[in-house]
Amino acid sequence: MIKNKTLILGIGNYLMADEGLGVHLAERFLHKKIPEGVDVLDGGTGGFHLLEYFEQYERVIIVDATLDGQPAGTIRLIKPHFASDFPQAMSTHDIGLKDLVGALQLLGTMPEIDLYVVSINSIQDQG
């Protein structure tokens, strides 16, 4: 299978205020001109339904919120190679992403992953 070049994947939940940061970013990118070979996807709350996308791309850039004790708005780049490389307090869907990375490792289809996490103060119930 020929893989596409790059996927920008926004993760989060629109209904949970700052936790929806990644999906709001993906939505904004969908209205902008992006380079050829780059696709954008609103990945919702992650999980195994995203497995096929990770298998189709050489590089996946993930944007998500995290509760890491840093000042709100702090942006960090993490290059996860293993499920344990994900932040301990990512967000409500981090278990799905960790499991997904584990599955990709077992399948031998792990793309290059750039995980951009943005610190938030709290995960609100809905807002």
C-alpha atoms as a PDB file:
ATOM      1  CA  MET A   1       0.000   0.000   0.000  1.00  0.00           C
ATOM      2  CA  ILE A   2       1.260   3.477  -0.868  1.00  0.00           C
ATOM      3  CA  LYS A   3       0.978   5.709   2.157  1.00  0.00           C
ATOM      4  CA  ASN A   4      -0.114   9.322   2.047  1.00  0.00           C
ATOM      5  CA  LYS A   5       2.343  11.830   3.395  1.00  0.00           C
ATOM      6  CA  THR A   6       0.959  13.651   6.459  1.00  0.00           C
ATOM      7  CA  LEU A   7      -2.218  13.698   8.542  1.00  0.00           C
ATOM      8  CA  ILE A   8      -3.029  16.477  10.997  1.00  0.00           C
ATOM      9  CA  LEU A   9      -5.304  14.874  13.580  1.00  0.00           C
ATOM     10  CA  GLY A  10      -7.229  17.002  16.073  1.00  0.00           C
ATOM     11  CA  ILE A  11      -8.383  15.066  19.139  1.00  0.00           C
ATOM     12  CA  GLY A  12     -10.948  16.198  21.690  1.00  0.00           C
ATOM     13  CA  ASN A  13     -14.575  16.685  22.573  1.00  0.00           C
ATOM     14  CA  TYR A  14     -16.453  19.805  21.416  1.00  0.00           C
ATOM     15  CA  LEU A  15     -18.747  19.628  24.439  1.00  0.00           C
ATOM     16  CA  MET A  16     -16.025  19.775  27.089  1.00  0.00           C
ATOM     17  CA  ALA A  17     -14.694  23.334  26.710  1.00  0.00           C
ATOM     18  CA  ASP A  18     -10.863  23.517  26.488  1.00  0.00           C
ATOM     19  CA  GLU A  19     -10.623  19.727  26.156  1.00  0.00           C
ATOM     20  CA  GLY A  20     -11.965  20.197  22.606  1.00  0.00           C
ATOM     21  CA  LEU A  21      -8.916  22.194  21.534  1.00  0.00           C
ATOM     22  CA  GLY A  22      -7.658  19.633  18.993  1.00  0.00           C
ATOM     23  CA  VAL A  23     -10.947  19.241  17.154  1.00  0.00           C
ATOM     24  CA  HIS A  24     -11.450  23.009  17.025  1.00  0.00           C
ATOM     25  CA  LEU A  25      -7.980  23.342  15.481  1.00  0.00           C
ATOM     26  CA  ALA A  26      -8.790  20.661  12.899  1.00  0.00           C
ATOM     27  CA  GLU A  27     -12.010  22.498  12.030  1.00  0.00           C
ATOM     28  CA  ARG A  28     -10.066  25.720  11.432  1.00  0.00           C
ATOM     29  CA  PHE A  29      -7.540  23.936   9.210  1.00  0.00           C
ATOM     30  CA  LEU A  30     -10.384  22.560   7.084  1.00  0.00           C
ATOM     31  CA  HIS A  31     -11.189  26.140   6.047  1.00  0.00           C
ATOM     32  CA  LYS A  32      -7.602  27.022   5.158  1.00  0.00           C
ATOM     33  CA  LYS A  33      -5.473  26.186   2.171  1.00  0.00           C
ATOM     34  CA  ILE A  34      -3.130  23.414   3.258  1.00  0.00           C
ATOM     35  CA  PRO A  35      -0.138  22.010   1.374  1.00  0.00           C
ATOM     36  CA  GLU A  36      -0.543  19.142  -1.054  1.00  0.00           C
ATOM     37  CA  GLY A  37       0.056  15.795   0.621  1.00  0.00           C
ATOM     38  CA  VAL A  38      -1.393  16.997   3.947  1.00  0.00           C
ATOM     39  CA  ASP A  39      -4.829  15.922   5.138  1.00  0.00           C
ATOM     40  CA  VAL A  40      -6.757  17.119   8.195  1.00  0.00           C
ATOM     41  CA  LEU A  41      -9.104  15.029  10.325  1.00  0.00           C
ATOM     42  CA  ASP A  42     -11.320  15.754  13.313  1.00  0.00           C
ATOM     43  CA  GLY A  43     -10.511  12.618  15.302  1.00  0.00           C
ATOM     44  CA  GLY A  44     -13.106  13.205  17.999  1.00  0.00           C
ATOM     45  CA  THR A  45     -12.212  11.359  21.175  1.00  0.00           C
ATOM     46  CA  GLY A  46      -9.726   9.006  19.555  1.00  0.00           C
ATOM     47  CA  GLY A  47      -9.812   5.261  19.885  1.00  0.00           C
ATOM     48  CA  PHE A  48      -9.523   2.292  17.606  1.00  0.00           C
ATOM     49  CA  HIS A  49     -11.743   3.780  14.890  1.00  0.00           C
ATOM     50  CA  LEU A  50      -8.670   5.900  14.010  1.00  0.00           C
ATOM     51  CA  LEU A  51      -6.438   2.856  13.396  1.00  0.00           C
ATOM     52  CA  GLU A  52      -6.973   2.907   9.636  1.00  0.00           C
ATOM     53  CA  TYR A  53      -5.821   6.531   9.425  1.00  0.00           C
ATOM     54  CA  PHE A  54      -2.592   5.805  11.273  1.00  0.00           C
ATOM     55  CA  GLU A  55      -1.936   2.938   8.864  1.00  0.00           C
ATOM     56  CA  GLN A  56      -2.463   5.150   5.798  1.00  0.00           C
ATOM     57  CA  TYR A  57      -0.003   7.927   6.626  1.00  0.00           C
ATOM     58  CA  GLU A  58       3.765   8.148   6.943  1.00  0.00           C
ATOM     59  CA  ARG A  59       3.457  10.913   9.537  1.00  0.00           C
ATOM     60  CA  VAL A  60       0.615  11.804  11.905  1.00  0.00           C
ATOM     61  CA  ILE A  61       0.568  15.124  13.745  1.00  0.00           C
ATOM     62  CA  ILE A  62      -1.785  14.904  16.735  1.00  0.00           C
ATOM     63  CA  VAL A  63      -3.045  17.970  18.614  1.00  0.00           C
ATOM     64  CA  ASP A  64      -4.693  17.426  21.980  1.00  0.00           C
ATOM     65  CA  ALA A  65      -5.262  19.031  25.375  1.00  0.00           C
ATOM     66  CA  THR A  66      -3.510  17.838  28.512  1.00  0.00           C
ATOM     67  CA  LEU A  67      -3.776  18.314  32.264  1.00  0.00           C
ATOM     68  CA  ASP A  68      -0.071  18.428  33.040  1.00  0.00           C
ATOM     69  CA  GLY A  69       0.184  21.125  35.701  1.00  0.00           C
ATOM     70  CA  GLN A  70       1.799  23.587  33.278  1.00  0.00           C
ATOM     71  CA  PRO A  71       0.297  27.057  32.785  1.00  0.00           C
ATOM     72  CA  ALA A  72      -2.739  26.976  30.504  1.00  0.00           C
ATOM     73  CA  GLY A  73      -1.697  27.478  26.893  1.00  0.00           C
ATOM     74  CA  THR A  74       1.731  25.843  27.275  1.00  0.00           C
ATOM     75  CA  ILE A  75       2.509  23.892  24.093  1.00  0.00           C
ATOM     76  CA  ARG A  76       4.828  20.884  24.101  1.00  0.00           C
ATOM     77  CA  LEU A  77       5.946  18.509  21.359  1.00  0.00           C
ATOM     78  CA  ILE A  78       6.199  14.840  22.291  1.00  0.00           C
ATOM     79  CA  LYS A  79       7.514  12.187  19.896  1.00  0.00           C
ATOM     80  CA  PRO A  80       5.805   9.044  21.266  1.00  0.00           C
ATOM     81  CA  HIS A  81       7.314   5.726  20.232  1.00  0.00           C
ATOM     82  CA  PHE A  82       5.483   3.687  22.867  1.00  0.00           C
ATOM     83  CA  ALA A  83       2.135   3.994  24.617  1.00  0.00           C
ATOM     84  CA  SER A  84       4.002   4.912  27.812  1.00  0.00           C
ATOM     85  CA  ASP A  85       5.379   8.038  26.089  1.00  0.00           C
ATOM     86  CA  PHE A  86       1.965   9.723  26.230  1.00  0.00           C
ATOM     87  CA  PRO A  87       1.436  12.188  29.098  1.00  0.00           C
ATOM     88  CA  GLN A  88      -0.027  10.612  32.237  1.00  0.00           C
ATOM     89  CA  ALA A  89      -2.815  13.188  32.422  1.00  0.00           C
ATOM     90  CA  MET A  90      -3.689  13.705  28.796  1.00  0.00           C
ATOM     91  CA  SER A  91      -7.448  13.979  28.638  1.00  0.00           C
ATOM     92  CA  THR A  92     -10.506  11.804  28.948  1.00  0.00           C
ATOM     93  CA  HIS A  93      -9.640   9.753  25.853  1.00  0.00           C
ATOM     94  CA  ASP A  94      -5.942   9.093  26.461  1.00  0.00           C
ATOM     95  CA  ILE A  95      -6.511   5.377  27.095  1.00  0.00           C
ATOM     96  CA  GLY A  96      -7.839   4.982  23.548  1.00  0.00           C
ATOM     97  CA  LEU A  97      -4.792   6.682  22.024  1.00  0.00           C
ATOM     98  CA  LYS A  98      -2.379   4.660  24.144  1.00  0.00           C
ATOM     99  CA  ASP A  99      -4.113   1.446  23.134  1.00  0.00           C
ATOM    100  CA  LEU A 100      -4.040   2.543  19.508  1.00  0.00           C
ATOM    101  CA  VAL A 101      -0.271   3.099  19.608  1.00  0.00           C
ATOM    102  CA  GLY A 102       0.163  -0.321  21.194  1.00  0.00           C
ATOM    103  CA  ALA A 103      -1.866  -1.916  18.400  1.00  0.00           C
ATOM    104  CA  LEU A 104       0.170  -0.099  15.726  1.00  0.00           C
ATOM    105  CA  GLN A 105       3.363  -1.437  17.304  1.00  0.00           C
ATOM    106  CA  LEU A 106       2.015  -4.990  17.288  1.00  0.00           C
ATOM    107  CA  LEU A 107       0.907  -4.651  13.669  1.00  0.00           C
ATOM    108  CA  GLY A 108       4.224  -3.116  12.602  1.00  0.00           C
ATOM    109  CA  THR A 109       2.420  -0.147  11.010  1.00  0.00           C
ATOM    110  CA  MET A 110       3.524   2.664  13.329  1.00  0.00           C
ATOM    111  CA  PRO A 111       3.891   5.978  11.478  1.00  0.00           C
ATOM    112  CA  GLU A 112       6.070   8.842  12.657  1.00  0.00           C
ATOM    113  CA  ILE A 113       3.992  10.624  15.310  1.00  0.00           C
ATOM    114  CA  ASP A 114       4.323  14.218  16.476  1.00  0.00           C
ATOM    115  CA  LEU A 115       2.062  14.845  19.455  1.00  0.00           C
ATOM    116  CA  TYR A 116       1.441  18.488  20.279  1.00  0.00           C
ATOM    117  CA  VAL A 117      -0.141  18.839  23.695  1.00  0.00           C
ATOM    118  CA  VAL A 118      -1.590  22.096  24.949  1.00  0.00           C
ATOM    119  CA  SER A 119      -1.940  22.514  28.704  1.00  0.00           C
ATOM    120  CA  ILE A 120      -5.390  23.281  30.080  1.00  0.00           C
ATOM    121  CA  ASN A 121      -6.486  24.065  33.636  1.00  0.00           C
ATOM    122  CA  SER A 122      -9.337  21.604  33.915  1.00  0.00           C
ATOM    123  CA  ILE A 123     -11.712  19.365  32.017  1.00  0.00           C
ATOM    124  CA  GLN A 124     -15.186  20.767  32.370  1.00  0.00           C
ATOM    125  CA  ASP A 125     -18.243  18.541  32.248  1.00  0.00           C
ATOM    126  CA  GLN A 126     -19.755  20.422  29.333  1.00  0.00           C
ATOM    127  CA  GLY A 127     -19.413  23.952  28.134  1.00  0.00           C
END
